[in-house]
Amino acid sequence: MNKPQHPPSAQESDARVARFGLRIAAGLSEQAETLPLDIQERLRFAREQALAKAQAARAAQPAQPAQDTIVLESGTLALKGGPSDNRSPRWLKLAALLPLLLLLAGLLLIQHSQWYEQIRAAAELDTGLLSKPLPPAAYNDPGFREYLNEDPNQEEDKQ
């Protein structure tokens, strides 16, 4: 049976990252021994410069917690703004509602256009009924729609 897996703690994930880094460093060290001496010397010099810059940057920064941190809580990625940010800004909440409002507006527009088409079709039918001289027997005729669609100029040509 599968055991339920819990998200790794911060210490476990740090340990995994450290082990991965050590494996990468060991692999690179093995491959560095096969390089020519001039390339090895340039890499050593670049490594020393990078370490010096990193140490200087760490010494220049005060030990403060990060203002913007990304937190992984129960499988959900969240962006936290800092210790004083206990709620999100109002414009972010409104921006989250924007897609819902656009969807609602689109649905209302589609409903209105369907409603308008039904009214227009009924108006055309009523106009056709009221504009032609229609005998009462035509209402019971199965060819009623063909009679409505008939051009009155054609009847004059036949006579």
N, C-alpha and C. Protein backbone atom coordinates (compact mmCIF):
# COMPACT_ATOMS: atom_id res chain seq x y z
N MET A 1 0.82 -1.18 0.00
CA MET A 1 0.00 0.00 0.00
C MET A 1 0.87 1.25 0.00
N ASN A 2 0.35 2.29 -0.58
CA ASN A 2 1.08 3.56 -0.60
C ASN A 2 0.87 4.28 0.72
N LYS A 3 1.95 4.79 1.28
CA LYS A 3 1.85 5.59 2.49
C LYS A 3 1.53 7.02 2.09
N PRO A 4 0.71 7.70 2.89
CA PRO A 4 0.44 9.11 2.55
C PRO A 4 1.71 9.93 2.69
N GLN A 5 2.00 10.73 1.69
CA GLN A 5 3.22 11.53 1.70
C GLN A 5 2.90 12.92 2.21
N HIS A 6 3.73 13.35 3.14
CA HIS A 6 3.58 14.69 3.69
C HIS A 6 4.59 15.60 3.02
N PRO A 7 4.26 16.88 2.86
CA PRO A 7 5.24 17.80 2.26
C PRO A 7 6.49 17.87 3.14
N PRO A 8 7.67 17.92 2.52
CA PRO A 8 8.91 17.94 3.31
C PRO A 8 9.01 19.24 4.11
N SER A 9 9.61 19.11 5.29
CA SER A 9 9.81 20.29 6.12
C SER A 9 10.93 21.14 5.52
N ALA A 10 11.12 22.31 6.08
CA ALA A 10 12.15 23.22 5.57
C ALA A 10 13.54 22.61 5.78
N GLN A 11 13.74 21.92 6.89
CA GLN A 11 15.04 21.31 7.14
C GLN A 11 15.33 20.19 6.16
N GLU A 12 14.30 19.37 5.87
CA GLU A 12 14.49 18.28 4.91
C GLU A 12 14.80 18.81 3.52
N SER A 13 14.07 19.85 3.11
CA SER A 13 14.33 20.40 1.78
C SER A 13 15.71 21.06 1.70
N ASP A 14 16.13 21.73 2.79
CA ASP A 14 17.48 22.32 2.82
C ASP A 14 18.54 21.23 2.73
N ALA A 15 18.32 20.12 3.44
CA ALA A 15 19.28 19.02 3.40
C ALA A 15 19.36 18.42 2.00
N ARG A 16 18.21 18.29 1.34
CA ARG A 16 18.20 17.75 -0.03
C ARG A 16 18.96 18.68 -0.98
N VAL A 17 18.74 19.98 -0.85
CA VAL A 17 19.42 20.94 -1.71
C VAL A 17 20.92 20.89 -1.46
N ALA A 18 21.32 20.77 -0.20
CA ALA A 18 22.75 20.71 0.13
C ALA A 18 23.38 19.44 -0.45
N ARG A 19 22.69 18.29 -0.34
CA ARG A 19 23.23 17.05 -0.91
C ARG A 19 23.36 17.15 -2.42
N PHE A 20 22.34 17.75 -3.06
CA PHE A 20 22.40 17.92 -4.51
C PHE A 20 23.58 18.80 -4.90
N GLY A 21 23.79 19.90 -4.17
CA GLY A 21 24.90 20.79 -4.45
C GLY A 21 26.24 20.10 -4.29
N LEU A 22 26.36 19.27 -3.25
CA LEU A 22 27.61 18.54 -3.04
C LEU A 22 27.88 17.55 -4.17
N ARG A 23 26.82 16.87 -4.64
CA ARG A 23 27.01 15.93 -5.76
C ARG A 23 27.44 16.65 -7.03
N ILE A 24 26.83 17.80 -7.29
CA ILE A 24 27.21 18.58 -8.48
C ILE A 24 28.65 19.06 -8.36
N ALA A 25 29.01 19.56 -7.18
CA ALA A 25 30.38 20.05 -6.97
C ALA A 25 31.39 18.92 -7.14
N ALA A 26 31.08 17.72 -6.63
CA ALA A 26 32.01 16.59 -6.77
C ALA A 26 32.17 16.21 -8.24
N GLY A 27 31.08 16.18 -8.97
CA GLY A 27 31.17 15.86 -10.41
C GLY A 27 31.98 16.87 -11.18
N LEU A 28 31.77 18.16 -10.86
CA LEU A 28 32.54 19.20 -11.54
C LEU A 28 34.02 19.13 -11.17
N SER A 29 34.32 18.81 -9.91
CA SER A 29 35.72 18.69 -9.49
C SER A 29 36.42 17.55 -10.22
N GLU A 30 35.73 16.43 -10.40
CA GLU A 30 36.32 15.31 -11.13
C GLU A 30 36.63 15.70 -12.57
N GLN A 31 35.72 16.40 -13.20
CA GLN A 31 35.91 16.78 -14.59
C GLN A 31 36.94 17.89 -14.73
N ALA A 32 37.12 18.72 -13.70
CA ALA A 32 38.07 19.83 -13.76
C ALA A 32 39.51 19.32 -13.83
N GLU A 33 39.77 18.13 -13.28
CA GLU A 33 41.13 17.59 -13.29
C GLU A 33 41.58 17.20 -14.69
N THR A 34 40.65 16.98 -15.60
CA THR A 34 41.01 16.59 -16.96
C THR A 34 41.24 17.79 -17.86
N LEU A 35 40.99 19.00 -17.38
CA LEU A 35 41.15 20.20 -18.20
C LEU A 35 42.63 20.59 -18.27
N PRO A 36 43.02 21.32 -19.32
CA PRO A 36 44.40 21.83 -19.40
C PRO A 36 44.69 22.80 -18.24
N LEU A 37 45.98 22.99 -17.93
CA LEU A 37 46.38 23.79 -16.79
C LEU A 37 45.97 25.26 -16.89
N ASP A 38 46.05 25.84 -18.08
CA ASP A 38 45.69 27.26 -18.21
C ASP A 38 44.20 27.48 -17.94
N ILE A 39 43.35 26.56 -18.37
CA ILE A 39 41.92 26.68 -18.11
C ILE A 39 41.64 26.46 -16.63
N GLN A 40 42.33 25.50 -16.00
CA GLN A 40 42.15 25.27 -14.57
C GLN A 40 42.53 26.52 -13.77
N GLU A 41 43.61 27.19 -14.19
CA GLU A 41 44.05 28.40 -13.49
C GLU A 41 43.03 29.53 -13.64
N ARG A 42 42.46 29.69 -14.84
CA ARG A 42 41.44 30.73 -15.05
C ARG A 42 40.19 30.43 -14.23
N LEU A 43 39.78 29.16 -14.18
CA LEU A 43 38.61 28.79 -13.37
C LEU A 43 38.86 29.03 -11.89
N ARG A 44 40.06 28.71 -11.39
CA ARG A 44 40.39 28.95 -10.00
C ARG A 44 40.32 30.44 -9.67
N PHE A 45 40.88 31.27 -10.55
CA PHE A 45 40.88 32.71 -10.35
C PHE A 45 39.43 33.25 -10.35
N ALA A 46 38.59 32.80 -11.28
CA ALA A 46 37.19 33.25 -11.35
C ALA A 46 36.43 32.79 -10.11
N ARG A 47 36.70 31.58 -9.62
CA ARG A 47 36.05 31.07 -8.42
C ARG A 47 36.41 31.93 -7.22
N GLU A 48 37.68 32.29 -7.09
CA GLU A 48 38.12 33.12 -5.97
C GLU A 48 37.47 34.50 -6.02
N GLN A 49 37.37 35.06 -7.21
CA GLN A 49 36.71 36.37 -7.34
C GLN A 49 35.23 36.28 -6.97
N ALA A 50 34.57 35.24 -7.41
CA ALA A 50 33.15 35.09 -7.10
C ALA A 50 32.93 34.92 -5.61
N LEU A 51 33.79 34.15 -4.95
CA LEU A 51 33.66 33.97 -3.50
C LEU A 51 33.90 35.28 -2.77
N ALA A 52 34.88 36.06 -3.21
CA ALA A 52 35.16 37.35 -2.57
C ALA A 52 33.97 38.31 -2.72
N LYS A 53 33.37 38.35 -3.90
CA LYS A 53 32.21 39.22 -4.12
C LYS A 53 31.03 38.77 -3.27
N ALA A 54 30.82 37.45 -3.17
CA ALA A 54 29.70 36.94 -2.36
C ALA A 54 29.90 37.26 -0.89
N GLN A 55 31.13 37.14 -0.39
CA GLN A 55 31.41 37.46 1.01
C GLN A 55 31.21 38.95 1.27
N ALA A 56 31.63 39.79 0.33
CA ALA A 56 31.46 41.23 0.49
C ALA A 56 29.98 41.60 0.47
N ALA A 57 29.21 40.96 -0.37
CA ALA A 57 27.78 41.25 -0.44
C ALA A 57 27.08 40.80 0.84
N ARG A 58 27.47 39.66 1.39
CA ARG A 58 26.86 39.19 2.64
C ARG A 58 27.23 40.11 3.80
N ALA A 59 28.44 40.61 3.82
CA ALA A 59 28.86 41.49 4.91
C ALA A 59 28.16 42.84 4.82
N ALA A 60 27.84 43.31 3.61
CA ALA A 60 27.21 44.61 3.43
C ALA A 60 25.73 44.58 3.79
N GLN A 61 25.09 43.43 3.70
CA GLN A 61 23.66 43.34 3.98
C GLN A 61 23.43 43.12 5.46
N PRO A 62 22.46 43.87 6.04
CA PRO A 62 22.10 43.61 7.44
C PRO A 62 21.29 42.31 7.51
N ALA A 63 21.32 41.67 8.64
CA ALA A 63 20.61 40.40 8.80
C ALA A 63 19.14 40.67 9.08
N GLN A 64 18.37 40.93 8.02
CA GLN A 64 16.94 41.16 8.13
C GLN A 64 16.22 40.05 7.40
N PRO A 65 15.01 39.74 7.83
CA PRO A 65 14.23 38.77 7.07
C PRO A 65 13.83 39.39 5.73
N ALA A 66 13.69 38.57 4.76
CA ALA A 66 13.33 39.05 3.42
C ALA A 66 11.93 39.67 3.44
N GLN A 67 11.77 40.77 2.72
CA GLN A 67 10.47 41.44 2.66
C GLN A 67 9.47 40.67 1.80
N ASP A 68 9.91 40.16 0.68
CA ASP A 68 9.04 39.39 -0.21
C ASP A 68 9.54 37.96 -0.23
N THR A 69 8.77 37.05 0.28
CA THR A 69 9.16 35.65 0.31
C THR A 69 8.09 34.82 -0.34
N ILE A 70 8.50 33.73 -0.93
CA ILE A 70 7.56 32.79 -1.52
C ILE A 70 7.44 31.62 -0.56
N VAL A 71 6.23 31.30 -0.16
CA VAL A 71 5.99 30.27 0.83
C VAL A 71 5.18 29.15 0.20
N LEU A 72 5.58 27.90 0.48
CA LEU A 72 4.85 26.75 -0.02
C LEU A 72 4.12 26.13 1.16
N GLU A 73 2.80 26.30 1.17
CA GLU A 73 1.99 25.78 2.27
C GLU A 73 0.99 24.78 1.71
N SER A 74 1.09 23.56 2.15
CA SER A 74 0.19 22.46 1.78
C SER A 74 -0.06 22.40 0.27
N GLY A 75 1.00 22.50 -0.49
CA GLY A 75 0.90 22.35 -1.93
C GLY A 75 0.45 23.59 -2.67
N THR A 76 0.29 24.73 -2.00
CA THR A 76 -0.14 25.96 -2.63
C THR A 76 0.97 26.98 -2.55
N LEU A 77 1.28 27.61 -3.66
CA LEU A 77 2.34 28.61 -3.70
C LEU A 77 1.72 29.97 -3.43
N ALA A 78 2.27 30.69 -2.45
CA ALA A 78 1.73 31.99 -2.08
C ALA A 78 2.86 32.99 -1.98
N LEU A 79 2.57 34.24 -2.29
CA LEU A 79 3.55 35.32 -2.19
C LEU A 79 3.19 36.16 -0.98
N LYS A 80 4.09 36.23 -0.05
CA LYS A 80 3.85 37.02 1.16
C LYS A 80 4.68 38.28 1.08
N GLY A 81 4.09 39.40 1.44
CA GLY A 81 4.75 40.68 1.27
C GLY A 81 5.68 41.08 2.39
N GLY A 82 5.60 40.52 3.54
CA GLY A 82 6.48 40.90 4.63
C GLY A 82 5.72 40.87 5.94
N PRO A 83 6.39 41.25 7.04
CA PRO A 83 5.76 41.16 8.35
C PRO A 83 4.60 42.12 8.53
N SER A 84 4.63 43.29 7.92
CA SER A 84 3.55 44.25 8.10
C SER A 84 2.40 44.04 7.12
N ASP A 85 2.56 43.14 6.18
CA ASP A 85 1.53 42.92 5.15
C ASP A 85 0.64 41.75 5.58
N ASN A 86 -0.42 42.06 6.36
CA ASN A 86 -1.29 40.99 6.82
C ASN A 86 -2.51 40.79 5.94
N ARG A 87 -2.73 41.64 4.95
CA ARG A 87 -3.83 41.44 4.00
C ARG A 87 -3.44 42.02 2.65
N SER A 88 -4.06 41.48 1.62
CA SER A 88 -3.68 41.92 0.27
C SER A 88 -4.34 43.27 -0.04
N PRO A 89 -3.74 44.04 -0.95
CA PRO A 89 -4.32 45.34 -1.31
C PRO A 89 -5.68 45.17 -1.99
N ARG A 90 -6.47 46.19 -1.89
CA ARG A 90 -7.83 46.15 -2.43
C ARG A 90 -7.83 45.99 -3.95
N TRP A 91 -6.85 46.59 -4.63
CA TRP A 91 -6.84 46.50 -6.10
C TRP A 91 -6.56 45.08 -6.56
N LEU A 92 -5.81 44.29 -5.76
CA LEU A 92 -5.58 42.89 -6.13
C LEU A 92 -6.87 42.08 -6.04
N LYS A 93 -7.67 42.37 -5.03
CA LYS A 93 -8.95 41.68 -4.89
C LYS A 93 -9.87 42.04 -6.06
N LEU A 94 -9.87 43.31 -6.44
CA LEU A 94 -10.70 43.73 -7.57
C LEU A 94 -10.18 43.12 -8.88
N ALA A 95 -8.87 43.02 -9.02
CA ALA A 95 -8.31 42.42 -10.23
C ALA A 95 -8.65 40.94 -10.31
N ALA A 96 -8.81 40.29 -9.19
CA ALA A 96 -9.21 38.88 -9.20
C ALA A 96 -10.66 38.73 -9.65
N LEU A 97 -11.49 39.74 -9.42
CA LEU A 97 -12.89 39.69 -9.83
C LEU A 97 -13.08 40.08 -11.30
N LEU A 98 -12.09 40.69 -11.91
CA LEU A 98 -12.22 41.16 -13.29
C LEU A 98 -12.58 40.05 -14.28
N PRO A 99 -11.94 38.88 -14.27
CA PRO A 99 -12.36 37.84 -15.21
C PRO A 99 -13.80 37.39 -15.02
N LEU A 100 -14.26 37.34 -13.77
CA LEU A 100 -15.65 36.97 -13.50
C LEU A 100 -16.61 38.01 -14.06
N LEU A 101 -16.27 39.28 -13.90
CA LEU A 101 -17.12 40.34 -14.44
C LEU A 101 -17.16 40.31 -15.96
N LEU A 102 -16.00 40.05 -16.59
CA LEU A 102 -15.97 39.96 -18.06
C LEU A 102 -16.80 38.78 -18.56
N LEU A 103 -16.75 37.66 -17.86
CA LEU A 103 -17.54 36.50 -18.23
C LEU A 103 -19.02 36.80 -18.11
N LEU A 104 -19.41 37.43 -17.02
CA LEU A 104 -20.80 37.79 -16.81
C LEU A 104 -21.28 38.77 -17.89
N ALA A 105 -20.46 39.76 -18.22
CA ALA A 105 -20.83 40.72 -19.27
C ALA A 105 -20.98 40.02 -20.62
N GLY A 106 -20.11 39.08 -20.92
CA GLY A 106 -20.22 38.34 -22.18
C GLY A 106 -21.49 37.51 -22.24
N LEU A 107 -21.84 36.85 -21.14
CA LEU A 107 -23.07 36.07 -21.11
C LEU A 107 -24.31 36.95 -21.27
N LEU A 108 -24.30 38.11 -20.61
CA LEU A 108 -25.42 39.03 -20.76
C LEU A 108 -25.53 39.55 -22.19
N LEU A 109 -24.41 39.81 -22.83
CA LEU A 109 -24.43 40.27 -24.22
C LEU A 109 -24.98 39.19 -25.15
N ILE A 110 -24.57 37.95 -24.93
CA ILE A 110 -25.10 36.84 -25.75
C ILE A 110 -26.59 36.69 -25.54
N GLN A 111 -27.05 36.76 -24.28
CA GLN A 111 -28.48 36.64 -24.00
C GLN A 111 -29.26 37.77 -24.67
N HIS A 112 -28.73 38.98 -24.60
CA HIS A 112 -29.42 40.12 -25.22
C HIS A 112 -29.50 39.96 -26.73
N SER A 113 -28.42 39.49 -27.37
CA SER A 113 -28.45 39.33 -28.82
C SER A 113 -29.42 38.23 -29.23
N GLN A 114 -29.51 37.14 -28.45
CA GLN A 114 -30.48 36.08 -28.75
C GLN A 114 -31.90 36.61 -28.60
N TRP A 115 -32.14 37.35 -27.56
CA TRP A 115 -33.45 37.93 -27.32
C TRP A 115 -33.83 38.89 -28.47
N TYR A 116 -32.88 39.71 -28.90
CA TYR A 116 -33.13 40.65 -29.99
C TYR A 116 -33.44 39.90 -31.28
N GLU A 117 -32.72 38.81 -31.57
CA GLU A 117 -32.97 38.02 -32.79
C GLU A 117 -34.37 37.42 -32.76
N GLN A 118 -34.84 36.93 -31.60
CA GLN A 118 -36.18 36.36 -31.51
C GLN A 118 -37.24 37.43 -31.76
N ILE A 119 -37.03 38.61 -31.20
CA ILE A 119 -37.98 39.70 -31.41
C ILE A 119 -38.00 40.12 -32.88
N ARG A 120 -36.82 40.18 -33.50
CA ARG A 120 -36.74 40.58 -34.91
C ARG A 120 -37.43 39.55 -35.81
N ALA A 121 -37.24 38.26 -35.52
CA ALA A 121 -37.89 37.23 -36.33
C ALA A 121 -39.41 37.30 -36.18
N ALA A 122 -39.89 37.50 -34.96
CA ALA A 122 -41.33 37.61 -34.75
C ALA A 122 -41.89 38.86 -35.43
N ALA A 123 -41.13 39.95 -35.42
CA ALA A 123 -41.58 41.18 -36.07
C ALA A 123 -41.66 41.00 -37.58
N GLU A 124 -40.70 40.28 -38.16
CA GLU A 124 -40.75 40.03 -39.61
C GLU A 124 -41.97 39.19 -39.97
N LEU A 125 -42.28 38.20 -39.15
CA LEU A 125 -43.45 37.35 -39.40
C LEU A 125 -44.73 38.17 -39.27
N ASP A 126 -44.83 39.00 -38.23
CA ASP A 126 -46.01 39.84 -38.06
C ASP A 126 -46.14 40.84 -39.19
N THR A 127 -45.02 41.42 -39.64
CA THR A 127 -45.06 42.37 -40.76
C THR A 127 -45.56 41.68 -42.02
N GLY A 128 -45.07 40.48 -42.24
CA GLY A 128 -45.52 39.72 -43.41
C GLY A 128 -47.00 39.40 -43.34
N LEU A 129 -47.50 39.06 -42.17
CA LEU A 129 -48.92 38.75 -42.01
C LEU A 129 -49.79 39.98 -42.23
N LEU A 130 -49.36 41.10 -41.69
CA LEU A 130 -50.20 42.29 -41.75
C LEU A 130 -50.08 43.05 -43.06
N SER A 131 -49.04 42.86 -43.82
CA SER A 131 -48.86 43.65 -45.03
C SER A 131 -49.48 43.00 -46.26
N LYS A 132 -49.79 41.71 -46.23
CA LYS A 132 -50.38 41.05 -47.39
C LYS A 132 -51.87 40.84 -47.20
N PRO A 133 -52.57 40.86 -48.31
CA PRO A 133 -54.00 40.53 -48.21
C PRO A 133 -54.12 39.02 -47.98
N LEU A 134 -54.56 38.65 -46.82
CA LEU A 134 -54.56 37.25 -46.42
C LEU A 134 -56.00 36.76 -46.25
N PRO A 135 -56.36 35.74 -47.03
CA PRO A 135 -57.70 35.17 -46.81
C PRO A 135 -57.70 34.33 -45.53
N PRO A 136 -58.84 34.20 -44.90
CA PRO A 136 -58.90 33.44 -43.65
C PRO A 136 -58.51 31.97 -43.82
N ALA A 137 -58.69 31.39 -44.97
CA ALA A 137 -58.34 29.99 -45.17
C ALA A 137 -56.82 29.80 -45.18
N ALA A 138 -56.07 30.83 -45.38
CA ALA A 138 -54.61 30.72 -45.45
C ALA A 138 -54.02 30.34 -44.09
N TYR A 139 -54.71 30.71 -43.01
CA TYR A 139 -54.19 30.36 -41.69
C TYR A 139 -54.18 28.85 -41.46
N ASN A 140 -55.09 28.12 -42.12
CA ASN A 140 -55.14 26.66 -41.98
C ASN A 140 -54.33 25.95 -43.05
N ASP A 141 -53.81 26.65 -44.01
CA ASP A 141 -53.08 26.05 -45.13
C ASP A 141 -51.69 25.57 -44.68
N PRO A 142 -51.30 24.32 -45.07
CA PRO A 142 -49.95 23.85 -44.71
C PRO A 142 -48.85 24.67 -45.40
N GLY A 143 -49.11 25.28 -46.52
CA GLY A 143 -48.10 26.07 -47.22
C GLY A 143 -48.15 27.53 -46.81
N PHE A 144 -48.51 27.79 -45.55
CA PHE A 144 -48.68 29.14 -45.05
C PHE A 144 -47.41 29.97 -45.16
N ARG A 145 -46.27 29.42 -44.80
CA ARG A 145 -45.01 30.18 -44.85
C ARG A 145 -44.61 30.48 -46.29
N GLU A 146 -44.87 29.57 -47.21
CA GLU A 146 -44.54 29.85 -48.61
C GLU A 146 -45.40 31.00 -49.15
N TYR A 147 -46.65 31.06 -48.70
CA TYR A 147 -47.52 32.14 -49.11
C TYR A 147 -46.99 33.48 -48.59
N LEU A 148 -46.46 33.46 -47.34
CA LEU A 148 -45.91 34.69 -46.78
C LEU A 148 -44.63 35.12 -47.50
N ASN A 149 -43.83 34.16 -47.93
CA ASN A 149 -42.58 34.47 -48.59
C ASN A 149 -42.75 34.78 -50.07
N GLU A 150 -43.96 34.65 -50.57
CA GLU A 150 -44.22 34.89 -51.99
C GLU A 150 -44.13 36.39 -52.28
N ASP A 151 -43.52 36.75 -53.40
CA ASP A 151 -43.33 38.15 -53.80
C ASP A 151 -44.63 38.65 -54.45
N PRO A 152 -45.20 39.79 -53.99
CA PRO A 152 -46.46 40.28 -54.57
C PRO A 152 -46.29 40.72 -56.04
N ASN A 153 -45.08 41.06 -56.46
CA ASN A 153 -44.84 41.47 -57.84
C ASN A 153 -45.01 40.29 -58.79
N GLN A 154 -44.74 39.09 -58.32
CA GLN A 154 -44.88 37.90 -59.16
C GLN A 154 -46.34 37.67 -59.52
N GLU A 155 -47.28 37.95 -58.59
CA GLU A 155 -48.71 37.76 -58.85
C GLU A 155 -49.19 38.72 -59.94
N GLU A 156 -48.68 39.95 -59.91
CA GLU A 156 -49.08 40.92 -60.91
C GLU A 156 -48.59 40.51 -62.30
N ASP A 157 -47.40 39.89 -62.36
CA ASP A 157 -46.85 39.45 -63.64
C ASP A 157 -47.66 38.31 -64.21
N LYS A 158 -48.24 37.47 -63.35
CA LYS A 158 -49.03 36.33 -63.82
C LYS A 158 -50.34 36.76 -64.41
N GLN A 159 -50.93 37.86 -63.96
CA GLN A 159 -52.26 38.28 -64.43
C GLN A 159 -52.23 38.99 -65.73
